[in-house]
Amino acid sequence: QVQLVESGGGLVQAGGSLRISCQASGRTFSTYAMAWFRQTPGKGRDFVAGISMSGDATYYADSVKGRFTISRVNAEHALYLQMTNLKPEDTAVYFCAANRWGSGRTSDLFLYEHRGQGTQVTVSS
């Protein structure tokens, strides 16, 4: 069983930067592909970025490509999302998700067995 806890959300002005983190419990972190999703009121849960088990492959939604960077440190059981040039439309609850033996490429949340509770990111204009 993997438990995921996000942190680092907050309020930032448009054009600013923020890094959010996801800490995983358990000893099998390196066997999970990881991803970040986000949810806003009235909208579904959208895939933001994914990363392979080793971290050598990353995938991004078109809306964040070139602005966000996903990374992981397996020895620390940690997942990160560095967000730059933030826009008001990036405002959402961001949560991490884990897919055992996955690729990190899939944007289908139902394929991720574990999810965190999320952290709020608010971008003011």
C-alpha atoms as a PDB file:
ATOM      1  CA  GLN A   1       0.000   0.000   0.000  1.00  0.00           C
ATOM      2  CA  VAL A   2       1.245   3.464  -0.881  1.00  0.00           C
ATOM      3  CA  GLN A   3       0.105   6.631   0.841  1.00  0.00           C
ATOM      4  CA  LEU A   4       0.661   9.956  -0.873  1.00  0.00           C
ATOM      5  CA  VAL A   5       0.785  13.350   0.808  1.00  0.00           C
ATOM      6  CA  GLU A   6       1.095  16.573  -1.149  1.00  0.00           C
ATOM      7  CA  SER A   7       2.495  19.860   0.122  1.00  0.00           C
ATOM      8  CA  GLY A   8       3.722  23.210  -1.083  1.00  0.00           C
ATOM      9  CA  GLY A   9       0.575  24.734  -2.511  1.00  0.00           C
ATOM     10  CA  GLY A  10      -0.329  28.346  -1.942  1.00  0.00           C
ATOM     11  CA  LEU A  11      -1.200  31.711  -3.427  1.00  0.00           C
ATOM     12  CA  VAL A  12       1.024  33.158  -6.145  1.00  0.00           C
ATOM     13  CA  GLN A  13       0.722  36.003  -8.603  1.00  0.00           C
ATOM     14  CA  ALA A  14       0.402  35.403 -12.312  1.00  0.00           C
ATOM     15  CA  GLY A  15       3.821  34.956 -13.842  1.00  0.00           C
ATOM     16  CA  GLY A  16       5.226  33.565 -10.622  1.00  0.00           C
ATOM     17  CA  SER A  17       6.612  30.161  -9.734  1.00  0.00           C
ATOM     18  CA  LEU A  18       5.794  27.460  -7.226  1.00  0.00           C
ATOM     19  CA  ARG A  19       7.046  23.966  -6.464  1.00  0.00           C
ATOM     20  CA  ILE A  20       4.729  21.361  -5.022  1.00  0.00           C
ATOM     21  CA  SER A  21       5.780  18.051  -3.550  1.00  0.00           C
ATOM     22  CA  CYS A  22       4.355  14.603  -3.026  1.00  0.00           C
ATOM     23  CA  GLN A  23       5.772  12.347  -0.331  1.00  0.00           C
ATOM     24  CA  ALA A  24       5.115   8.622  -0.661  1.00  0.00           C
ATOM     25  CA  SER A  25       5.176   6.035   2.092  1.00  0.00           C
ATOM     26  CA  GLY A  26       6.288   2.444   1.683  1.00  0.00           C
ATOM     27  CA  ARG A  27       9.351   0.829   0.175  1.00  0.00           C
ATOM     28  CA  THR A  28       8.122   0.266  -3.383  1.00  0.00           C
ATOM     29  CA  PHE A  29       8.090   3.839  -4.679  1.00  0.00           C
ATOM     30  CA  SER A  30      10.468   3.032  -7.540  1.00  0.00           C
ATOM     31  CA  THR A  31       7.986   0.494  -8.934  1.00  0.00           C
ATOM     32  CA  TYR A  32       5.350   3.162  -9.499  1.00  0.00           C
ATOM     33  CA  ALA A  33       4.990   5.533 -12.393  1.00  0.00           C
ATOM     34  CA  MET A  34       3.781   8.830 -10.990  1.00  0.00           C
ATOM     35  CA  ALA A  35       1.669  11.676 -12.229  1.00  0.00           C
ATOM     36  CA  TRP A  36       0.171  14.992 -11.255  1.00  0.00           C
ATOM     37  CA  PHE A  37      -3.482  15.748 -11.895  1.00  0.00           C
ATOM     38  CA  ARG A  38      -5.503  18.844 -11.107  1.00  0.00           C
ATOM     39  CA  GLN A  39      -9.138  19.526 -10.408  1.00  0.00           C
ATOM     40  CA  THR A  40     -11.154  22.725 -10.495  1.00  0.00           C
ATOM     41  CA  PRO A  41     -14.764  23.244  -9.442  1.00  0.00           C
ATOM     42  CA  GLY A  42     -17.121  22.316 -12.224  1.00  0.00           C
ATOM     43  CA  LYS A  43     -14.435  20.568 -14.237  1.00  0.00           C
ATOM     44  CA  GLY A  44     -13.080  17.082 -14.255  1.00  0.00           C
ATOM     45  CA  ARG A  45      -9.700  15.897 -13.119  1.00  0.00           C
ATOM     46  CA  ASP A  46      -7.120  16.725 -15.746  1.00  0.00           C
ATOM     47  CA  PHE A  47      -3.766  15.103 -16.319  1.00  0.00           C
ATOM     48  CA  VAL A  48      -0.943  17.594 -15.860  1.00  0.00           C
ATOM     49  CA  ALA A  49       2.285  15.594 -16.074  1.00  0.00           C
ATOM     50  CA  GLY A  50       3.589  12.045 -15.707  1.00  0.00           C
ATOM     51  CA  ILE A  51       6.951  10.434 -15.079  1.00  0.00           C
ATOM     52  CA  SER A  52       8.284   6.920 -15.535  1.00  0.00           C
ATOM     53  CA  MET A  53       9.423   4.672 -12.676  1.00  0.00           C
ATOM     54  CA  SER A  54      13.075   5.589 -13.192  1.00  0.00           C
ATOM     55  CA  GLY A  55      12.384   9.224 -14.009  1.00  0.00           C
ATOM     56  CA  ASP A  56      13.992   9.069 -17.434  1.00  0.00           C
ATOM     57  CA  ALA A  57      10.734   9.735 -19.309  1.00  0.00           C
ATOM     58  CA  THR A  58       8.300  12.589 -18.700  1.00  0.00           C
ATOM     59  CA  TYR A  59       5.005  13.560 -20.266  1.00  0.00           C
ATOM     60  CA  TYR A  60       3.033  16.793 -20.170  1.00  0.00           C
ATOM     61  CA  ALA A  61      -0.377  18.160 -21.028  1.00  0.00           C
ATOM     62  CA  ASP A  62      -0.176  20.683 -23.848  1.00  0.00           C
ATOM     63  CA  SER A  63      -1.461  23.410 -21.537  1.00  0.00           C
ATOM     64  CA  VAL A  64       1.594  23.192 -19.254  1.00  0.00           C
ATOM     65  CA  LYS A  65       4.330  22.090 -21.637  1.00  0.00           C
ATOM     66  CA  GLY A  66       7.332  24.383 -21.378  1.00  0.00           C
ATOM     67  CA  ARG A  67       6.139  25.854 -18.064  1.00  0.00           C
ATOM     68  CA  PHE A  68       5.947  22.862 -15.690  1.00  0.00           C
ATOM     69  CA  THR A  69       8.588  20.264 -14.879  1.00  0.00           C
ATOM     70  CA  ILE A  70       7.905  16.956 -13.172  1.00  0.00           C
ATOM     71  CA  SER A  71      10.700  15.157 -11.354  1.00  0.00           C
ATOM     72  CA  ARG A  72      11.240  12.482  -8.743  1.00  0.00           C
ATOM     73  CA  VAL A  73      13.873  11.322  -6.267  1.00  0.00           C
ATOM     74  CA  ASN A  74      13.333   7.627  -5.675  1.00  0.00           C
ATOM     75  CA  ALA A  75      15.753   7.434  -2.758  1.00  0.00           C
ATOM     76  CA  GLU A  76      13.617  10.018  -0.952  1.00  0.00           C
ATOM     77  CA  HIS A  77      10.253   8.648  -2.146  1.00  0.00           C
ATOM     78  CA  ALA A  78       9.495  12.122  -3.434  1.00  0.00           C
ATOM     79  CA  LEU A  79       7.751  13.560  -6.464  1.00  0.00           C
ATOM     80  CA  TYR A  80       7.887  17.213  -7.469  1.00  0.00           C
ATOM     81  CA  LEU A  81       6.175  19.605  -9.838  1.00  0.00           C
ATOM     82  CA  GLN A  82       8.011  22.830 -10.581  1.00  0.00           C
ATOM     83  CA  MET A  83       5.581  25.365 -12.000  1.00  0.00           C
ATOM     84  CA  THR A  84       6.738  28.559 -13.688  1.00  0.00           C
ATOM     85  CA  ASN A  85       4.989  31.386 -15.532  1.00  0.00           C
ATOM     86  CA  LEU A  86       1.810  30.506 -13.692  1.00  0.00           C
ATOM     87  CA  LYS A  87      -1.518  31.666 -15.086  1.00  0.00           C
ATOM     88  CA  PRO A  88      -4.884  32.195 -13.362  1.00  0.00           C
ATOM     89  CA  GLU A  89      -6.222  29.189 -15.279  1.00  0.00           C
ATOM     90  CA  ASP A  90      -3.679  27.016 -13.445  1.00  0.00           C
ATOM     91  CA  THR A  91      -5.671  27.544 -10.250  1.00  0.00           C
ATOM     92  CA  ALA A  92      -6.760  24.116  -9.014  1.00  0.00           C
ATOM     93  CA  VAL A  93      -6.284  21.420  -6.434  1.00  0.00           C
ATOM     94  CA  TYR A  94      -3.228  19.462  -7.508  1.00  0.00           C
ATOM     95  CA  PHE A  95      -2.837  15.855  -6.450  1.00  0.00           C
ATOM     96  CA  CYS A  96      -0.356  13.129  -7.177  1.00  0.00           C
ATOM     97  CA  ALA A  97      -1.187   9.611  -8.273  1.00  0.00           C
ATOM     98  CA  ALA A  98       0.713   6.322  -8.485  1.00  0.00           C
ATOM     99  CA  ASN A  99       0.419   3.548 -11.106  1.00  0.00           C
ATOM    100  CA  ARG A 100       2.406   0.397 -10.352  1.00  0.00           C
ATOM    101  CA  TRP A 101       4.526  -0.833 -13.247  1.00  0.00           C
ATOM    102  CA  GLY A 102       3.051   1.897 -15.401  1.00  0.00           C
ATOM    103  CA  SER A 103       4.748   4.224 -17.870  1.00  0.00           C
ATOM    104  CA  GLY A 104       3.626   7.611 -16.575  1.00  0.00           C
ATOM    105  CA  ARG A 105       2.262   8.402 -20.012  1.00  0.00           C
ATOM    106  CA  THR A 106      -1.370   7.529 -19.354  1.00  0.00           C
ATOM    107  CA  SER A 107      -3.757  10.361 -18.581  1.00  0.00           C
ATOM    108  CA  ASP A 108      -6.518   8.002 -17.414  1.00  0.00           C
ATOM    109  CA  LEU A 109      -6.807   8.580 -13.676  1.00  0.00           C
ATOM    110  CA  PHE A 110      -8.586   5.279 -13.182  1.00  0.00           C
ATOM    111  CA  LEU A 111      -5.377   3.432 -14.011  1.00  0.00           C
ATOM    112  CA  TYR A 112      -3.633   4.994 -11.028  1.00  0.00           C
ATOM    113  CA  GLU A 113      -4.168   2.825  -7.961  1.00  0.00           C
ATOM    114  CA  HIS A 114      -3.276   5.441  -5.363  1.00  0.00           C
ATOM    115  CA  ARG A 115      -4.008   9.150  -5.073  1.00  0.00           C
ATOM    116  CA  GLY A 116      -3.252  11.862  -2.573  1.00  0.00           C
ATOM    117  CA  GLN A 117      -5.680  14.348  -1.074  1.00  0.00           C
ATOM    118  CA  GLY A 118      -4.286  17.287  -2.965  1.00  0.00           C
ATOM    119  CA  THR A 119      -2.864  20.738  -2.361  1.00  0.00           C
ATOM    120  CA  GLN A 120      -4.493  24.005  -3.421  1.00  0.00           C
ATOM    121  CA  VAL A 121      -2.694  26.249  -5.893  1.00  0.00           C
ATOM    122  CA  THR A 122      -4.226  29.664  -6.468  1.00  0.00           C
ATOM    123  CA  VAL A 123      -2.891  32.059  -9.088  1.00  0.00           C
ATOM    124  CA  SER A 124      -4.075  35.649  -8.845  1.00  0.00           C
ATOM    125  CA  SER A 125      -4.248  37.945 -11.848  1.00  0.00           C
END
